[in-house]
């Protein structure tokens, strides 16, 4: 079976944020077809666009034999199992949020999945942890290092590095 390298962002801004992220990682590690490779530190960041509790955010590098659509279904199940309420508005506070940032070098644009993630170039809370584990990562089909995008963004929304995921 072909393995694809995938980068996932994880975030939480409700309850015990670190525990929520750890629970999601533990569940992801238990899924056949997903292998854990590397993790970033966790970063405490302000919420985008709304006044709400801070987020903890981080990035995982995994390999998978799953298709992108199957991985998305697995992620939605993990989010649900960890207590995410899908009936809440898109930008509402959440127990866990898991996004597929990159799925190999594929560009995917369907109704349910856009990869690379459509906001990755604008979000330092994604770029900083991603660059921590892949400092030379390029944006697919652009030949532009992600570090260039990070340098173009104001760095005032990353308040502090908090912790490292447990491997």
Protein backbone atom coordinates (compact mmCIF):
# COMPACT_ATOMS: atom_id res chain seq x y z
CA UNK A 1 0.00 0.00 0.00
CA UNK A 2 1.18 3.50 -0.79
CA UNK A 3 1.87 5.70 2.20
CA UNK A 4 1.26 9.43 2.00
CA UNK A 5 2.85 12.01 4.29
CA UNK A 6 0.16 14.20 5.84
CA UNK A 7 0.32 17.25 8.08
CA UNK A 8 -2.54 17.83 10.50
CA UNK A 9 -3.21 20.88 12.62
CA UNK A 10 -4.89 20.39 15.99
CA UNK A 11 -6.43 23.09 18.14
CA UNK A 12 -8.62 23.44 21.21
CA UNK A 13 -10.07 26.37 23.14
CA UNK A 14 -12.57 24.74 25.50
CA UNK A 15 -12.00 22.88 28.75
CA UNK A 16 -8.63 21.28 29.39
CA UNK A 17 -7.11 22.19 26.05
CA UNK A 18 -3.95 20.08 26.37
CA UNK A 19 -5.95 17.05 27.49
CA UNK A 20 -8.32 17.52 24.53
CA UNK A 21 -5.39 17.56 22.09
CA UNK A 22 -3.70 14.60 23.81
CA UNK A 23 -6.96 12.60 23.60
CA UNK A 24 -7.30 13.34 19.88
CA UNK A 25 -3.67 12.33 19.25
CA UNK A 26 -4.13 9.12 21.24
CA UNK A 27 -7.19 8.23 19.19
CA UNK A 28 -5.45 9.07 15.90
CA UNK A 29 -2.52 6.83 16.89
CA UNK A 30 -4.91 3.92 17.42
CA UNK A 31 -6.33 4.03 13.89
CA UNK A 32 -5.13 1.42 11.43
CA UNK A 33 -3.58 3.08 8.40
CA UNK A 34 -2.20 6.10 10.29
CA UNK A 35 1.38 6.17 11.61
CA UNK A 36 2.62 8.94 13.87
CA UNK A 37 5.93 10.45 12.68
CA UNK A 38 6.56 13.82 14.33
CA UNK A 39 4.91 16.56 16.38
CA UNK A 40 5.41 20.22 17.07
CA UNK A 41 5.30 21.98 20.38
CA UNK A 42 1.94 23.36 21.44
CA UNK A 43 1.40 27.08 21.04
CA UNK A 44 -0.97 29.32 22.96
CA UNK A 45 -2.66 31.66 20.47
CA UNK A 46 -5.46 34.16 20.38
CA UNK A 47 -8.69 33.22 18.62
CA UNK A 48 -9.11 34.43 15.02
CA UNK A 49 -11.73 37.11 14.51
CA UNK A 50 -13.73 36.65 17.73
CA UNK A 51 -13.26 37.35 21.39
CA UNK A 52 -13.08 33.97 23.06
CA UNK A 53 -10.70 31.89 25.12
CA UNK A 54 -7.19 31.31 23.76
CA UNK A 55 -6.37 28.25 21.69
CA UNK A 56 -3.65 25.67 22.05
CA UNK A 57 -2.45 24.70 18.58
CA UNK A 58 0.07 22.28 17.17
CA UNK A 59 0.89 20.22 14.10
CA UNK A 60 1.37 16.49 13.55
CA UNK A 61 3.22 14.76 10.75
CA UNK A 62 1.75 11.34 10.01
CA UNK A 63 1.89 8.81 7.22
CA UNK A 64 -1.25 7.13 6.04
CA UNK A 65 -2.48 4.49 3.64
CA UNK A 66 -5.94 6.08 3.74
CA UNK A 67 -7.28 8.23 0.93
CA UNK A 68 -7.80 11.92 1.66
CA UNK A 69 -11.58 11.47 1.85
CA UNK A 70 -11.24 8.46 4.17
CA UNK A 71 -8.82 10.38 6.38
CA UNK A 72 -11.30 13.25 6.58
CA UNK A 73 -14.02 10.84 7.73
CA UNK A 74 -11.68 9.44 10.38
CA UNK A 75 -10.82 12.96 11.57
CA UNK A 76 -14.50 13.90 11.84
CA UNK A 77 -15.11 10.74 13.91
CA UNK A 78 -12.16 11.56 16.19
CA UNK A 79 -13.44 15.11 16.67
CA UNK A 80 -16.89 13.77 17.52
CA UNK A 81 -15.51 11.15 19.92
CA UNK A 82 -13.51 13.90 21.65
CA UNK A 83 -16.66 15.97 22.18
CA UNK A 84 -16.81 18.34 19.22
CA UNK A 85 -20.34 19.52 18.51
CA UNK A 86 -20.73 19.85 14.73
CA UNK A 87 -24.01 21.73 15.15
CA UNK A 88 -22.09 24.76 16.45
CA UNK A 89 -21.31 27.63 14.04
CA UNK A 90 -18.06 27.38 12.06
CA UNK A 91 -16.02 29.81 14.17
CA UNK A 92 -17.50 28.83 17.56
CA UNK A 93 -15.32 27.71 20.48
CA UNK A 94 -14.46 24.02 20.18
CA UNK A 95 -13.15 21.16 22.24
CA UNK A 96 -11.03 19.97 19.31
CA UNK A 97 -10.43 21.05 15.73
CA UNK A 98 -8.36 18.92 13.37
CA UNK A 99 -7.54 20.08 9.85
CA UNK A 100 -5.66 18.42 7.02
CA UNK A 101 -3.00 20.95 6.03
CA UNK A 102 -1.20 18.91 3.38
CA UNK A 103 -1.89 15.48 1.90
CA UNK A 104 1.38 14.62 0.20
CA UNK A 105 1.82 17.16 -2.57
CA UNK A 106 -1.74 16.76 -3.77
CA UNK A 107 -4.03 19.68 -4.45
CA UNK A 108 -7.61 18.73 -3.59
CA UNK A 109 -10.60 20.99 -4.06
CA UNK A 110 -13.93 19.32 -3.32
CA UNK A 111 -17.05 20.44 -1.53
CA UNK A 112 -15.91 18.74 1.68
CA UNK A 113 -12.12 19.05 1.50
CA UNK A 114 -9.65 21.68 0.35
CA UNK A 115 -5.96 20.74 0.54
CA UNK A 116 -3.64 22.48 1.05
CA UNK A 117 -5.78 24.11 3.71
CA UNK A 118 -7.16 27.34 2.25
CA UNK A 119 -5.96 29.59 5.11
CA UNK A 120 -2.53 28.10 5.80
CA UNK A 121 -0.61 31.03 4.27
CA UNK A 122 -2.44 33.49 6.55
CA UNK A 123 -2.28 31.69 9.88
CA UNK A 124 0.84 31.94 11.94
CA UNK A 125 -0.64 29.56 14.52
CA UNK A 126 -0.39 26.89 11.81
CA UNK A 127 2.82 28.01 10.10
CA UNK A 128 4.99 28.31 13.23
CA UNK A 129 4.36 24.75 14.52
CA UNK A 130 4.53 23.33 10.98
CA UNK A 131 7.87 25.03 10.36
CA UNK A 132 9.13 23.74 13.70
CA UNK A 133 8.89 20.18 12.39
CA UNK A 134 9.47 20.89 8.66
CA UNK A 135 11.54 24.08 8.35
CA UNK A 136 12.17 23.61 4.61
CA UNK A 137 8.58 22.73 3.62
CA UNK A 138 7.39 24.21 0.34
CA UNK A 139 3.86 25.13 -0.63
CA UNK A 140 2.78 22.67 -3.36
CA UNK A 141 2.96 23.90 -6.95
CA UNK A 142 4.36 27.30 -5.92
CA UNK A 143 8.01 26.60 -5.11
CA UNK A 144 7.69 29.01 -2.20
CA UNK A 145 8.92 27.99 1.23
CA UNK A 146 6.33 28.27 3.97
CA UNK A 147 8.88 30.24 5.98
CA UNK A 148 8.46 33.07 3.47
CA UNK A 149 4.74 33.29 4.30
CA UNK A 150 5.49 33.20 8.03
CA UNK A 151 7.95 36.07 7.65
CA UNK A 152 5.29 38.11 5.86
CA UNK A 153 2.80 37.82 8.72
CA UNK A 154 2.94 39.89 11.88
CA UNK A 155 4.10 37.64 14.66
CA UNK A 156 2.12 39.18 17.52
CA UNK A 157 -0.59 36.53 17.77
CA UNK A 158 1.76 33.75 18.94
CA UNK A 159 2.06 34.44 22.64
CA UNK A 160 4.11 31.51 23.83
CA UNK A 161 5.30 27.98 23.23
CA UNK A 162 3.61 25.81 25.85
CA UNK A 163 4.56 22.17 25.57
CA UNK A 164 5.65 19.34 23.31
CA UNK A 165 3.29 16.57 22.27
CA UNK A 166 4.12 13.30 23.95
CA UNK A 167 5.50 10.82 21.41
